[in-house]
Each structure stands twice: as structure tokens, then as C-alpha cells.
N, C-alpha and C. Protein backbone atom coordinates (compact mmCIF):
# COMPACT_ATOMS: atom_id res chain seq x y z
N MET A 1 -72.58 11.17 -24.24
CA MET A 1 -73.56 11.69 -23.44
C MET A 1 -73.46 13.26 -23.45
N SER A 2 -74.69 14.01 -23.43
CA SER A 2 -74.74 15.23 -23.45
C SER A 2 -74.40 15.98 -22.06
N LYS A 3 -73.85 16.98 -22.18
CA LYS A 3 -73.45 17.71 -20.85
C LYS A 3 -74.81 18.15 -20.06
N PRO A 4 -74.75 17.77 -18.80
CA PRO A 4 -76.01 18.31 -18.08
C PRO A 4 -76.28 19.79 -17.82
N VAL A 5 -77.36 20.33 -17.73
CA VAL A 5 -77.51 21.64 -17.60
C VAL A 5 -77.11 22.10 -16.20
N ASP A 6 -76.48 23.35 -16.24
CA ASP A 6 -76.01 23.91 -15.08
C ASP A 6 -77.22 24.62 -14.40
N LEU A 7 -77.69 24.04 -13.30
CA LEU A 7 -79.01 24.70 -12.75
C LEU A 7 -78.47 25.73 -11.61
N ALA A 8 -77.21 25.84 -11.32
CA ALA A 8 -76.80 26.84 -10.27
C ALA A 8 -77.31 28.22 -10.58
N PRO A 9 -77.34 28.86 -11.66
CA PRO A 9 -77.88 30.17 -11.89
C PRO A 9 -79.33 30.28 -11.48
N ILE A 10 -80.10 29.25 -11.82
CA ILE A 10 -81.56 29.18 -11.61
C ILE A 10 -81.76 29.04 -9.95
N ARG A 11 -81.17 28.20 -9.49
CA ARG A 11 -81.24 28.00 -8.04
C ARG A 11 -80.81 29.25 -7.21
N ASP A 12 -79.66 29.85 -7.75
CA ASP A 12 -79.26 30.98 -7.10
C ASP A 12 -80.16 32.13 -7.17
N PHE A 13 -80.80 32.24 -8.29
CA PHE A 13 -81.88 33.33 -8.59
C PHE A 13 -83.11 33.17 -7.62
N LEU A 14 -83.66 32.00 -7.63
CA LEU A 14 -84.97 31.71 -6.93
C LEU A 14 -84.74 31.92 -5.42
N PRO A 15 -85.87 32.23 -4.70
CA PRO A 15 -85.56 32.52 -3.27
C PRO A 15 -85.84 31.21 -2.39
N CYS A 16 -86.20 30.02 -3.05
CA CYS A 16 -86.32 28.99 -2.15
C CYS A 16 -86.39 27.80 -3.28
N ALA A 17 -86.28 26.44 -2.74
CA ALA A 17 -86.21 25.33 -3.51
C ALA A 17 -87.80 24.84 -3.51
N THR A 18 -88.17 24.10 -4.53
CA THR A 18 -89.46 23.41 -4.40
C THR A 18 -89.60 22.55 -3.24
N PRO A 19 -90.49 22.62 -2.23
CA PRO A 19 -90.68 21.72 -1.31
C PRO A 19 -90.81 20.27 -1.57
N ARG A 20 -90.28 19.39 -0.85
CA ARG A 20 -90.55 17.95 -1.08
C ARG A 20 -91.92 17.51 -1.21
N ALA A 21 -92.71 18.25 -0.41
CA ALA A 21 -94.18 17.87 -0.35
C ALA A 21 -94.81 18.24 -1.62
N TRP A 22 -94.39 19.15 -2.46
CA TRP A 22 -94.97 19.43 -3.79
C TRP A 22 -94.66 18.31 -4.70
N VAL A 23 -93.35 17.94 -4.60
CA VAL A 23 -92.92 16.76 -5.53
C VAL A 23 -93.72 15.40 -5.30
N ASP A 24 -93.92 15.23 -4.06
CA ASP A 24 -94.74 13.97 -3.70
C ASP A 24 -96.22 14.13 -4.20
N TRP A 25 -96.67 15.24 -4.13
CA TRP A 25 -98.00 15.69 -4.60
C TRP A 25 -98.15 15.37 -6.14
N ALA A 26 -97.17 15.93 -6.72
CA ALA A 26 -97.05 15.70 -8.22
C ALA A 26 -97.15 14.34 -8.65
N LEU A 27 -96.28 13.44 -7.92
CA LEU A 27 -96.16 12.02 -8.29
C LEU A 27 -97.45 11.30 -8.04
N GLU A 28 -98.40 11.92 -7.10
CA GLU A 28 -99.64 11.40 -6.89
C GLU A 28 -100.72 11.72 -7.79
N ASN A 29 -100.38 12.78 -8.65
CA ASN A 29 -101.29 13.29 -9.69
C ASN A 29 -100.63 13.45 -11.06
N PRO A 30 -100.12 12.29 -11.56
CA PRO A 30 -99.33 12.31 -12.87
C PRO A 30 -100.20 12.88 -14.06
N GLU A 31 -101.53 12.54 -14.15
CA GLU A 31 -102.39 13.13 -15.22
C GLU A 31 -102.55 14.65 -15.18
N LEU A 32 -102.79 15.09 -14.01
CA LEU A 32 -102.92 16.63 -13.64
C LEU A 32 -101.77 17.29 -14.03
N LEU A 33 -100.51 16.58 -13.43
CA LEU A 33 -99.30 17.10 -13.82
C LEU A 33 -99.10 17.59 -15.27
N LEU A 34 -99.34 16.51 -16.17
CA LEU A 34 -99.43 16.82 -17.64
C LEU A 34 -100.38 17.86 -18.17
N ILE A 35 -101.44 17.74 -17.66
CA ILE A 35 -102.52 18.59 -18.12
C ILE A 35 -102.21 20.10 -17.87
N ASP A 36 -101.71 20.49 -16.63
CA ASP A 36 -101.42 21.71 -16.15
C ASP A 36 -100.04 22.28 -16.90
N HIS A 37 -99.28 21.14 -17.02
CA HIS A 37 -97.97 21.51 -17.76
C HIS A 37 -98.28 22.08 -19.15
N ALA A 38 -99.08 21.39 -19.84
CA ALA A 38 -99.61 21.84 -21.12
C ALA A 38 -100.09 23.15 -21.09
N ASN A 39 -100.96 23.44 -20.07
CA ASN A 39 -101.36 24.83 -19.88
C ASN A 39 -100.35 25.83 -19.67
N CYS A 40 -99.33 25.57 -18.90
CA CYS A 40 -98.27 26.36 -18.67
C CYS A 40 -97.49 26.83 -19.88
N GLU A 41 -97.13 25.75 -20.78
CA GLU A 41 -96.57 26.04 -22.05
C GLU A 41 -97.40 27.02 -22.88
N LYS A 42 -98.76 26.72 -22.85
CA LYS A 42 -99.61 27.48 -23.77
C LYS A 42 -99.53 28.95 -23.34
N LYS A 43 -99.69 29.14 -22.04
CA LYS A 43 -99.75 30.38 -21.27
C LYS A 43 -98.40 31.23 -21.58
N ALA A 44 -97.29 30.44 -21.48
CA ALA A 44 -95.99 31.16 -21.76
C ALA A 44 -95.97 31.66 -23.14
N ALA A 45 -96.41 30.97 -24.10
CA ALA A 45 -96.47 31.37 -25.47
C ALA A 45 -97.32 32.54 -25.58
N SER A 46 -98.61 32.51 -24.96
CA SER A 46 -99.60 33.58 -25.04
C SER A 46 -98.93 34.84 -24.37
N THR A 47 -98.27 34.61 -23.33
CA THR A 47 -97.67 35.82 -22.61
C THR A 47 -96.67 36.63 -23.61
N ALA A 48 -95.77 35.78 -24.14
CA ALA A 48 -94.82 36.43 -25.08
C ALA A 48 -95.43 37.01 -26.35
N ILE A 49 -96.61 36.43 -26.90
CA ILE A 49 -97.22 37.14 -27.87
C ILE A 49 -98.02 38.31 -27.58
N ASN A 50 -98.60 38.33 -26.43
CA ASN A 50 -99.33 39.54 -25.91
C ASN A 50 -98.36 40.64 -25.72
N LEU A 51 -97.25 40.45 -25.20
CA LEU A 51 -96.16 41.41 -25.15
C LEU A 51 -95.73 42.01 -26.30
N MET A 52 -95.67 40.93 -27.44
CA MET A 52 -95.24 41.63 -28.79
C MET A 52 -96.22 42.47 -29.40
N TYR A 53 -97.53 42.28 -29.19
CA TYR A 53 -98.55 43.00 -29.51
C TYR A 53 -98.58 44.46 -28.92
N ARG A 54 -98.26 44.45 -27.65
CA ARG A 54 -98.51 45.59 -26.73
C ARG A 54 -97.34 46.47 -26.94
N TYR A 55 -96.11 46.05 -27.15
CA TYR A 55 -94.92 46.80 -27.15
C TYR A 55 -94.16 46.79 -28.48
N VAL A 56 -94.77 47.10 -29.51
CA VAL A 56 -94.26 46.88 -30.85
C VAL A 56 -93.09 47.81 -31.18
N GLU A 57 -92.82 48.79 -30.31
CA GLU A 57 -91.73 49.87 -30.45
C GLU A 57 -90.47 49.14 -30.06
N HIS A 58 -90.27 48.04 -29.37
CA HIS A 58 -89.03 47.54 -28.89
C HIS A 58 -88.76 46.47 -29.76
N HIS A 59 -87.75 46.59 -30.71
CA HIS A 59 -87.28 45.47 -31.54
C HIS A 59 -86.73 44.40 -30.84
N SER A 60 -85.90 44.68 -29.74
CA SER A 60 -85.23 43.59 -29.22
C SER A 60 -86.10 42.68 -28.53
N LEU A 61 -87.31 43.21 -27.93
CA LEU A 61 -88.26 42.48 -27.33
C LEU A 61 -89.13 41.56 -28.38
N LEU A 62 -89.44 42.14 -29.60
CA LEU A 62 -90.05 41.52 -30.59
C LEU A 62 -89.28 40.14 -31.02
N HIS A 63 -88.05 40.43 -31.32
CA HIS A 63 -87.02 39.30 -31.70
C HIS A 63 -86.89 38.28 -30.67
N LYS A 64 -86.65 38.65 -29.45
CA LYS A 64 -86.40 37.59 -28.51
C LYS A 64 -87.83 36.90 -28.24
N LEU A 65 -88.86 37.61 -27.79
CA LEU A 65 -90.03 36.87 -27.62
C LEU A 65 -90.78 36.10 -28.69
N SER A 66 -90.54 36.40 -29.91
CA SER A 66 -91.07 35.57 -31.05
C SER A 66 -90.42 34.22 -31.09
N ARG A 67 -89.15 34.26 -30.81
CA ARG A 67 -88.41 33.05 -30.71
C ARG A 67 -88.88 32.07 -29.47
N LEU A 68 -89.06 32.75 -28.38
CA LEU A 68 -89.42 32.11 -27.25
C LEU A 68 -90.85 31.52 -27.29
N ALA A 69 -91.80 32.32 -27.97
CA ALA A 69 -93.07 31.87 -28.28
C ALA A 69 -93.16 30.41 -29.07
N ARG A 70 -92.26 30.57 -30.12
CA ARG A 70 -92.23 29.37 -30.98
C ARG A 70 -91.76 28.14 -30.21
N GLU A 71 -90.72 28.39 -29.35
CA GLU A 71 -90.25 27.25 -28.41
C GLU A 71 -91.29 26.75 -27.51
N GLU A 72 -92.18 27.61 -26.92
CA GLU A 72 -93.04 27.30 -25.96
C GLU A 72 -94.21 26.53 -26.66
N LEU A 73 -94.64 27.00 -27.82
CA LEU A 73 -95.67 26.31 -28.65
C LEU A 73 -95.36 24.84 -28.80
N ARG A 74 -93.91 24.66 -29.34
CA ARG A 74 -93.40 23.42 -29.61
C ARG A 74 -93.46 22.48 -28.43
N HIS A 75 -93.06 23.05 -27.27
CA HIS A 75 -93.26 22.22 -26.05
C HIS A 75 -94.66 21.89 -25.68
N PHE A 76 -95.54 22.71 -26.00
CA PHE A 76 -97.03 22.38 -25.80
C PHE A 76 -97.38 21.31 -26.59
N GLU A 77 -96.92 21.31 -27.91
CA GLU A 77 -97.25 20.23 -28.76
C GLU A 77 -96.69 18.79 -28.26
N GLN A 78 -95.56 18.89 -27.80
CA GLN A 78 -94.83 17.73 -27.16
C GLN A 78 -95.72 17.20 -26.02
N VAL A 79 -96.09 18.08 -25.02
CA VAL A 79 -96.83 17.59 -23.93
C VAL A 79 -98.19 16.99 -24.31
N ILE A 80 -98.89 17.64 -25.32
CA ILE A 80 -100.14 16.99 -25.63
C ILE A 80 -100.07 15.74 -26.50
N ALA A 81 -98.83 15.54 -27.00
CA ALA A 81 -98.56 14.26 -27.81
C ALA A 81 -98.31 13.24 -26.78
N LEU A 82 -97.76 13.54 -25.66
CA LEU A 82 -97.45 12.51 -24.60
C LEU A 82 -98.86 12.17 -23.90
N MET A 83 -99.64 13.28 -23.79
CA MET A 83 -100.97 12.90 -23.25
C MET A 83 -101.72 12.08 -24.02
N LYS A 84 -101.89 12.23 -25.30
CA LYS A 84 -102.62 11.43 -26.29
C LYS A 84 -101.98 9.94 -26.15
N LYS A 85 -100.71 9.86 -26.22
CA LYS A 85 -100.04 8.56 -26.20
C LYS A 85 -100.41 7.84 -24.89
N ARG A 86 -100.73 8.48 -23.73
CA ARG A 86 -101.09 7.94 -22.51
C ARG A 86 -102.46 7.89 -22.24
N GLY A 87 -103.28 8.22 -23.29
CA GLY A 87 -104.82 8.23 -23.00
C GLY A 87 -105.40 9.20 -22.07
N ILE A 88 -104.58 10.38 -21.88
CA ILE A 88 -105.02 11.35 -20.99
C ILE A 88 -105.89 12.45 -21.61
N ASP A 89 -107.10 12.71 -21.18
CA ASP A 89 -107.94 13.74 -21.72
C ASP A 89 -107.38 15.15 -21.37
N TYR A 90 -107.77 16.16 -22.12
CA TYR A 90 -107.32 17.56 -21.88
C TYR A 90 -108.48 18.35 -21.45
N PRO A 91 -109.02 18.36 -20.25
CA PRO A 91 -110.07 19.14 -19.71
C PRO A 91 -109.67 20.54 -19.40
N GLN A 92 -110.66 21.44 -19.37
CA GLN A 92 -110.36 22.79 -18.88
C GLN A 92 -110.22 22.73 -17.36
N ILE A 93 -109.20 23.20 -16.83
CA ILE A 93 -108.99 23.28 -15.30
C ILE A 93 -108.67 24.80 -14.85
N ALA A 94 -109.08 25.02 -13.63
CA ALA A 94 -108.69 26.55 -13.21
C ALA A 94 -107.18 26.58 -13.09
N ALA A 95 -106.86 27.98 -13.31
CA ALA A 95 -105.33 28.15 -13.16
C ALA A 95 -104.88 28.21 -11.75
N ALA A 96 -103.69 28.04 -11.58
CA ALA A 96 -103.05 28.13 -10.16
C ALA A 96 -103.11 29.63 -9.88
N ARG A 97 -102.88 29.96 -8.56
CA ARG A 97 -102.87 31.32 -8.08
C ARG A 97 -101.49 31.99 -8.34
N TYR A 98 -100.61 31.22 -8.81
CA TYR A 98 -99.05 31.54 -8.78
C TYR A 98 -98.94 32.81 -9.79
N ALA A 99 -99.17 32.63 -11.08
CA ALA A 99 -98.92 33.68 -11.90
C ALA A 99 -99.60 34.95 -11.65
N GLY A 100 -100.94 34.88 -11.30
CA GLY A 100 -101.83 35.91 -10.95
C GLY A 100 -101.31 36.73 -9.71
N GLY A 101 -100.83 35.72 -8.81
CA GLY A 101 -100.34 36.28 -7.54
C GLY A 101 -99.06 37.22 -7.74
N LEU A 102 -98.24 36.89 -8.63
CA LEU A 102 -97.03 37.54 -8.88
C LEU A 102 -97.38 38.90 -9.63
N ARG A 103 -98.27 38.80 -10.60
CA ARG A 103 -98.58 39.93 -11.47
C ARG A 103 -99.32 41.04 -10.67
N ARG A 104 -99.91 40.59 -9.73
CA ARG A 104 -100.61 41.66 -8.65
C ARG A 104 -99.71 42.79 -8.12
N ALA A 105 -98.38 42.41 -8.07
CA ALA A 105 -97.46 43.31 -7.52
C ALA A 105 -96.91 44.28 -8.62
N ALA A 106 -97.38 44.13 -9.92
CA ALA A 106 -96.66 44.88 -11.05
C ALA A 106 -97.29 46.34 -10.94
N ARG A 107 -96.61 47.18 -11.32
CA ARG A 107 -96.90 48.63 -11.43
C ARG A 107 -97.86 48.86 -12.54
N ASP A 108 -98.76 49.97 -12.38
CA ASP A 108 -99.79 50.22 -13.42
C ASP A 108 -99.10 51.04 -14.64
N GLY A 109 -98.46 52.06 -14.38
CA GLY A 109 -98.01 52.98 -15.43
C GLY A 109 -96.75 52.31 -16.00
N GLU A 110 -96.58 52.86 -17.19
CA GLU A 110 -95.40 52.42 -18.20
C GLU A 110 -94.28 53.57 -17.90
N PRO A 111 -93.08 53.02 -18.00
CA PRO A 111 -92.61 51.70 -18.43
C PRO A 111 -92.59 50.67 -17.38
N GLY A 112 -92.87 51.07 -16.09
CA GLY A 112 -92.90 50.23 -14.96
C GLY A 112 -93.62 48.96 -14.98
N ARG A 113 -94.66 48.97 -15.84
CA ARG A 113 -95.51 47.74 -15.97
C ARG A 113 -94.87 46.86 -16.84
N LEU A 114 -94.21 47.28 -17.80
CA LEU A 114 -93.45 46.38 -18.78
C LEU A 114 -92.22 45.71 -18.06
N ILE A 115 -91.44 46.52 -17.29
CA ILE A 115 -90.30 45.90 -16.62
C ILE A 115 -90.73 44.90 -15.64
N ASP A 116 -91.82 45.20 -14.86
CA ASP A 116 -92.33 44.24 -13.85
C ASP A 116 -92.86 42.96 -14.49
N THR A 117 -93.55 43.11 -15.66
CA THR A 117 -94.00 42.00 -16.33
C THR A 117 -92.86 41.21 -16.87
N LEU A 118 -91.79 41.58 -17.32
CA LEU A 118 -90.63 40.90 -17.67
C LEU A 118 -89.88 40.24 -16.60
N ILE A 119 -89.86 40.93 -15.34
CA ILE A 119 -89.42 40.35 -14.16
C ILE A 119 -90.15 38.99 -13.74
N VAL A 120 -91.44 39.23 -13.77
CA VAL A 120 -92.35 38.12 -13.55
C VAL A 120 -92.11 37.00 -14.32
N GLY A 121 -92.02 37.24 -15.78
CA GLY A 121 -91.70 36.23 -16.66
C GLY A 121 -90.49 35.42 -16.28
N ALA A 122 -89.35 36.04 -15.96
CA ALA A 122 -88.18 35.51 -15.58
C ALA A 122 -88.24 34.55 -14.32
N ILE A 123 -89.01 34.93 -13.40
CA ILE A 123 -89.24 34.21 -12.32
C ILE A 123 -90.05 32.94 -12.55
N ILE A 124 -91.17 33.10 -13.41
CA ILE A 124 -91.96 31.84 -13.78
C ILE A 124 -91.15 30.88 -14.56
N GLU A 125 -90.32 31.35 -15.57
CA GLU A 125 -89.37 30.53 -16.32
C GLU A 125 -88.50 29.81 -15.45
N ALA A 126 -87.83 30.62 -14.54
CA ALA A 126 -86.89 29.91 -13.62
C ALA A 126 -87.57 28.91 -12.68
N ARG A 127 -88.65 29.15 -12.15
CA ARG A 127 -89.31 28.10 -11.45
C ARG A 127 -89.81 26.87 -12.20
N SER A 128 -90.32 27.19 -13.22
CA SER A 128 -90.59 25.95 -14.20
C SER A 128 -89.35 24.94 -14.41
N CYS A 129 -88.15 25.58 -14.68
CA CYS A 129 -86.99 24.73 -14.81
C CYS A 129 -86.57 24.08 -13.55
N GLU A 130 -86.63 24.74 -12.49
CA GLU A 130 -86.39 24.17 -11.19
C GLU A 130 -87.36 23.11 -10.75
N ARG A 131 -88.52 23.03 -11.29
CA ARG A 131 -89.44 22.09 -11.12
C ARG A 131 -89.12 20.87 -11.99
N PHE A 132 -88.80 21.15 -13.28
CA PHE A 132 -88.46 20.15 -14.16
C PHE A 132 -87.30 19.27 -13.64
N ALA A 133 -86.38 20.03 -13.01
CA ALA A 133 -85.18 19.26 -12.52
C ALA A 133 -85.58 18.49 -11.11
N ALA A 134 -86.42 19.07 -10.46
CA ALA A 134 -86.86 18.33 -9.19
C ALA A 134 -87.73 16.90 -9.55
N LEU A 135 -88.43 16.99 -10.71
CA LEU A 135 -89.30 15.96 -10.97
C LEU A 135 -88.64 15.00 -11.83
N ALA A 136 -87.64 15.31 -12.68
CA ALA A 136 -87.14 14.39 -13.63
C ALA A 136 -86.67 13.09 -13.09
N PRO A 137 -85.88 13.08 -12.02
CA PRO A 137 -85.33 11.77 -11.54
C PRO A 137 -86.43 10.86 -10.90
N GLU A 138 -87.63 11.39 -10.72
CA GLU A 138 -88.63 10.57 -9.97
C GLU A 138 -89.73 10.02 -11.14
N LEU A 139 -89.51 10.41 -12.30
CA LEU A 139 -90.41 10.02 -13.31
C LEU A 139 -89.98 8.72 -14.19
N ASP A 140 -90.95 8.15 -14.90
CA ASP A 140 -90.60 7.08 -15.79
C ASP A 140 -89.65 7.68 -16.81
N ALA A 141 -89.03 6.69 -17.49
CA ALA A 141 -87.92 7.00 -18.38
C ALA A 141 -88.34 8.00 -19.52
N GLU A 142 -89.56 7.80 -20.09
CA GLU A 142 -89.97 8.70 -21.19
C GLU A 142 -90.11 10.02 -20.59
N LEU A 143 -90.71 10.21 -19.53
CA LEU A 143 -90.99 11.53 -18.85
C LEU A 143 -89.75 12.30 -18.42
N ARG A 144 -88.83 11.39 -17.92
CA ARG A 144 -87.51 11.83 -17.37
C ARG A 144 -86.78 12.43 -18.51
N GLU A 145 -86.76 11.74 -19.72
CA GLU A 145 -86.03 12.15 -20.73
C GLU A 145 -86.65 13.52 -21.51
N PHE A 146 -87.91 13.58 -21.31
CA PHE A 146 -88.59 14.75 -21.84
C PHE A 146 -88.29 15.98 -21.03
N TYR A 147 -88.42 15.83 -19.69
CA TYR A 147 -88.17 17.00 -18.69
C TYR A 147 -86.70 17.45 -18.73
N GLU A 148 -85.84 16.44 -18.97
CA GLU A 148 -84.50 16.91 -19.10
C GLU A 148 -84.19 17.60 -20.40
N SER A 149 -84.92 17.25 -21.41
CA SER A 149 -84.71 17.92 -22.68
C SER A 149 -85.21 19.40 -22.68
N LEU A 150 -86.38 19.57 -21.81
CA LEU A 150 -87.01 20.89 -21.56
C LEU A 150 -85.91 21.71 -20.90
N LEU A 151 -85.38 21.07 -19.91
CA LEU A 151 -84.26 21.99 -19.13
C LEU A 151 -83.14 22.50 -20.13
N LYS A 152 -82.82 21.64 -21.03
CA LYS A 152 -81.66 22.19 -21.99
C LYS A 152 -82.23 23.24 -22.87
N SER A 153 -83.46 23.29 -23.25
CA SER A 153 -83.87 24.33 -24.17
C SER A 153 -84.62 25.50 -23.52
N GLU A 154 -84.97 25.37 -22.23
CA GLU A 154 -85.77 26.46 -21.49
C GLU A 154 -84.85 27.09 -20.34
N SER A 155 -83.81 26.60 -20.07
CA SER A 155 -83.02 27.17 -18.96
C SER A 155 -82.45 28.48 -19.19
N ARG A 156 -82.39 28.97 -20.44
CA ARG A 156 -82.03 30.25 -20.69
C ARG A 156 -83.16 31.24 -20.69
N HIS A 157 -84.39 30.75 -20.74
CA HIS A 157 -85.50 31.74 -20.85
C HIS A 157 -85.50 32.82 -19.81
N PHE A 158 -85.20 32.40 -18.50
CA PHE A 158 -85.27 33.35 -17.48
C PHE A 158 -84.30 34.55 -17.70
N LEU A 159 -83.22 34.12 -18.12
CA LEU A 159 -82.19 35.22 -18.41
C LEU A 159 -82.59 36.08 -19.60
N ASP A 160 -83.21 35.44 -20.63
CA ASP A 160 -83.71 36.27 -21.66
C ASP A 160 -84.72 37.37 -21.08
N TYR A 161 -85.52 36.95 -20.25
CA TYR A 161 -86.52 38.04 -19.63
C TYR A 161 -85.76 38.95 -18.83
N LEU A 162 -84.83 38.65 -17.98
CA LEU A 162 -84.14 39.51 -17.17
C LEU A 162 -83.34 40.46 -18.04
N LYS A 163 -82.65 40.06 -19.08
CA LYS A 163 -81.91 40.95 -19.75
C LYS A 163 -82.72 41.90 -20.55
N LEU A 164 -83.79 41.37 -21.06
CA LEU A 164 -84.80 42.39 -21.67
C LEU A 164 -85.26 43.38 -20.61
N ALA A 165 -85.59 43.08 -19.43
CA ALA A 165 -85.98 44.07 -18.41
C ALA A 165 -84.88 44.96 -18.20
N GLU A 166 -83.61 44.58 -18.12
CA GLU A 166 -82.46 45.47 -17.85
C GLU A 166 -82.21 46.36 -18.99
N SER A 167 -82.27 45.89 -20.21
CA SER A 167 -82.07 46.65 -21.41
C SER A 167 -83.31 47.65 -21.72
N LEU A 168 -84.45 47.27 -21.38
CA LEU A 168 -85.51 48.31 -21.52
C LEU A 168 -85.69 49.20 -20.39
N GLY A 169 -85.17 48.94 -19.26
CA GLY A 169 -85.26 49.65 -17.99
C GLY A 169 -83.78 50.09 -17.78
N SER A 170 -83.30 49.46 -16.49
CA SER A 170 -81.95 49.44 -16.25
C SER A 170 -81.70 48.40 -15.19
N ALA A 171 -80.35 47.94 -15.04
CA ALA A 171 -80.09 46.94 -14.08
C ALA A 171 -80.35 47.41 -12.72
N ALA A 172 -80.23 48.76 -12.42
CA ALA A 172 -80.49 49.26 -11.07
C ALA A 172 -82.02 49.07 -10.74
N GLU A 173 -82.82 49.33 -11.67
CA GLU A 173 -84.33 49.17 -11.69
C GLU A 173 -84.76 47.79 -11.30
N VAL A 174 -84.24 46.94 -12.19
CA VAL A 174 -84.46 45.45 -12.10
C VAL A 174 -84.00 45.03 -10.54
N ALA A 175 -82.89 45.31 -10.22
CA ALA A 175 -82.27 45.05 -8.84
C ALA A 175 -83.16 45.60 -7.65
N GLU A 176 -83.75 46.72 -7.94
CA GLU A 176 -84.78 47.18 -6.84
C GLU A 176 -86.04 46.50 -6.84
N ARG A 177 -86.45 46.04 -8.00
CA ARG A 177 -87.85 45.48 -8.10
C ARG A 177 -87.86 43.98 -7.81
N LEU A 178 -86.72 43.27 -8.10
CA LEU A 178 -86.58 41.87 -7.96
C LEU A 178 -87.03 41.40 -6.55
N PRO A 179 -86.40 42.03 -5.41
CA PRO A 179 -86.79 41.45 -4.16
C PRO A 179 -88.34 41.40 -3.98
N VAL A 180 -89.03 42.42 -4.29
CA VAL A 180 -90.49 42.47 -4.20
C VAL A 180 -91.14 41.19 -4.58
N PHE A 181 -90.82 40.75 -5.83
CA PHE A 181 -91.51 39.71 -6.54
C PHE A 181 -90.88 38.34 -6.02
N LEU A 182 -89.57 38.35 -5.72
CA LEU A 182 -88.92 37.05 -5.16
C LEU A 182 -89.60 36.66 -3.81
N GLU A 183 -89.80 37.67 -2.93
CA GLU A 183 -90.46 37.41 -1.71
C GLU A 183 -91.81 36.87 -1.77
N LEU A 184 -92.55 37.40 -2.63
CA LEU A 184 -93.83 37.06 -3.07
C LEU A 184 -93.87 35.67 -3.58
N GLU A 185 -92.94 35.29 -4.43
CA GLU A 185 -92.76 34.00 -4.96
C GLU A 185 -92.62 33.01 -3.90
N ARG A 186 -91.76 33.31 -2.89
CA ARG A 186 -91.35 32.29 -1.83
C ARG A 186 -92.79 32.07 -1.19
N GLU A 187 -93.54 33.09 -0.93
CA GLU A 187 -94.68 32.83 -0.13
C GLU A 187 -95.68 31.86 -0.90
N LEU A 188 -95.83 32.28 -2.26
CA LEU A 188 -96.62 31.29 -3.09
C LEU A 188 -96.22 29.95 -3.19
N ILE A 189 -94.97 29.74 -3.30
CA ILE A 189 -94.45 28.26 -3.29
C ILE A 189 -94.52 27.62 -2.11
N GLU A 190 -94.18 28.23 -0.88
CA GLU A 190 -94.23 27.49 0.35
C GLU A 190 -95.48 27.43 1.10
N SER A 191 -96.51 28.26 0.60
CA SER A 191 -97.86 28.18 1.43
C SER A 191 -98.73 27.16 0.96
N PRO A 192 -99.78 26.77 1.60
CA PRO A 192 -100.73 25.71 1.28
C PRO A 192 -101.59 26.02 0.09
N ASP A 193 -101.97 25.00 -0.73
CA ASP A 193 -102.93 25.10 -1.87
C ASP A 193 -103.82 24.04 -1.68
N VAL A 194 -105.10 24.13 -2.16
CA VAL A 194 -106.11 23.12 -1.98
C VAL A 194 -105.97 22.25 -3.19
N GLU A 195 -105.68 22.72 -4.47
CA GLU A 195 -105.67 21.87 -5.67
C GLU A 195 -104.24 21.86 -6.20
N PHE A 196 -103.69 20.75 -6.57
CA PHE A 196 -102.43 20.62 -7.29
C PHE A 196 -102.47 21.28 -8.63
N ARG A 197 -101.32 22.10 -8.81
CA ARG A 197 -100.99 22.55 -10.11
C ARG A 197 -99.49 22.62 -10.29
N PHE A 198 -99.05 22.78 -11.55
CA PHE A 198 -97.58 22.71 -11.90
C PHE A 198 -96.93 23.77 -10.93
N HIS A 199 -97.52 24.93 -10.72
CA HIS A 199 -96.91 26.05 -9.94
C HIS A 199 -97.56 26.14 -8.73
N SER A 200 -98.32 25.13 -8.13
CA SER A 200 -98.99 25.37 -6.86
C SER A 200 -97.91 25.48 -5.56
N GLY A 201 -98.46 25.70 -4.56
CA GLY A 201 -97.68 25.57 -3.18
C GLY A 201 -97.81 24.23 -2.86
N VAL A 202 -97.65 23.89 -1.53
CA VAL A 202 -97.67 22.60 -0.88
C VAL A 202 -99.05 22.21 -0.54
N PRO A 203 -99.35 20.99 -0.45
CA PRO A 203 -100.68 20.38 -0.03
C PRO A 203 -101.25 21.14 1.11
N GLY A 204 -102.48 21.53 0.98
CA GLY A 204 -103.09 22.29 2.12
C GLY A 204 -103.92 21.34 3.07
């Protein structure tokens, strides 16, 4: 049996745990869960690729994010394969307010904008893994195995983003900026939402 993923670094990093009300909401919306999860994997790949286009002068960023984008696209393929197997259509749905809400706090000028974008990437990746872990024990065997496999491959992504932010800025700058985004993240996770999404708050 493979060694379970150590979630302590992720749980210590995030400002709060996913509320039980969100887990119950997810279990009531299994199709929407997979649809928006597919969107999240696709957006994660897109974010990494967009950063690679925008910041071509940073070799470490190009190397790390090209690898991350490949992994996210592979996970997207796995999600849509599960959807096809279960007869779930893939309609267009509106995005959650989560990622956009976090990015609104980013600075406009460079290099602050890049550092803040990498910090937001770290938070989103950490929250995604925390939610995989919260959901896995409650799902059917196939989905549980899938979400546990995602934890193994994606649990390091938040550290990849944080290390990039520290290397391209400084550890002091990241330490100063992190509380701004973590407090905003707590508000987004714990406040009510009208529509269920993978990164939504609690039922409103």
C-alpha cells in the first residue's frame, strides 16, 4: 500500500478548513462537482501557460510551470474521461468568484504583480488539494481512488508556486503579502454562495 500524502503542510498553510456544509453541498451535486473540477484543471493549465508567455525572462518559472501545465492538462483529460464514462455532459458554466476574488488584491505594477499572482496560485493549489482530501472519503470507490491519486501528484504544486514567488521576489516580500491573500481566502471559503462550485463558499 502506498504511503498516504502528508497534508499537514497544506492545512498549516491555509487559513481555515473547508466547512462541512460545502462537503455536503458537493455530495448533493456530483455532476456539477466533476464539471467544475474539469474547469479548474483547465484553468490551472491556462494560468501556468499564460505566465510562461508573459514572463519569458525567468528560466526557473518557464521550467517549473511547463511541467505543472502538463500535469494539469493530464488531470483535465482524466476528469472528462470520468464524465464521459458516467454520461455527464460538459456544458459551459459560470466561474466561481473565488479565483477572481483573490486576484483582485494583486498589485498592478511589476514585479509585484508577478509575485502576487504566484502567491494566489499557491493558495488555489493548496485549497484544491485540501478539498480533494475532504471529499475523497465520501465518494464512490472510483472517484475516491482518483481524488487520492490527485493528492499525490498535486500536493507539491502549492510549494512550487511559493518557492517561485520567493526566488523571483524574496521570502520577506512573500511573508508580507501572504496574510493579505489568506484573509481574503478565508472570507471567500466561509461566506455564502448562491451556486455550487469546486471553490465556492458555503450554501447561501
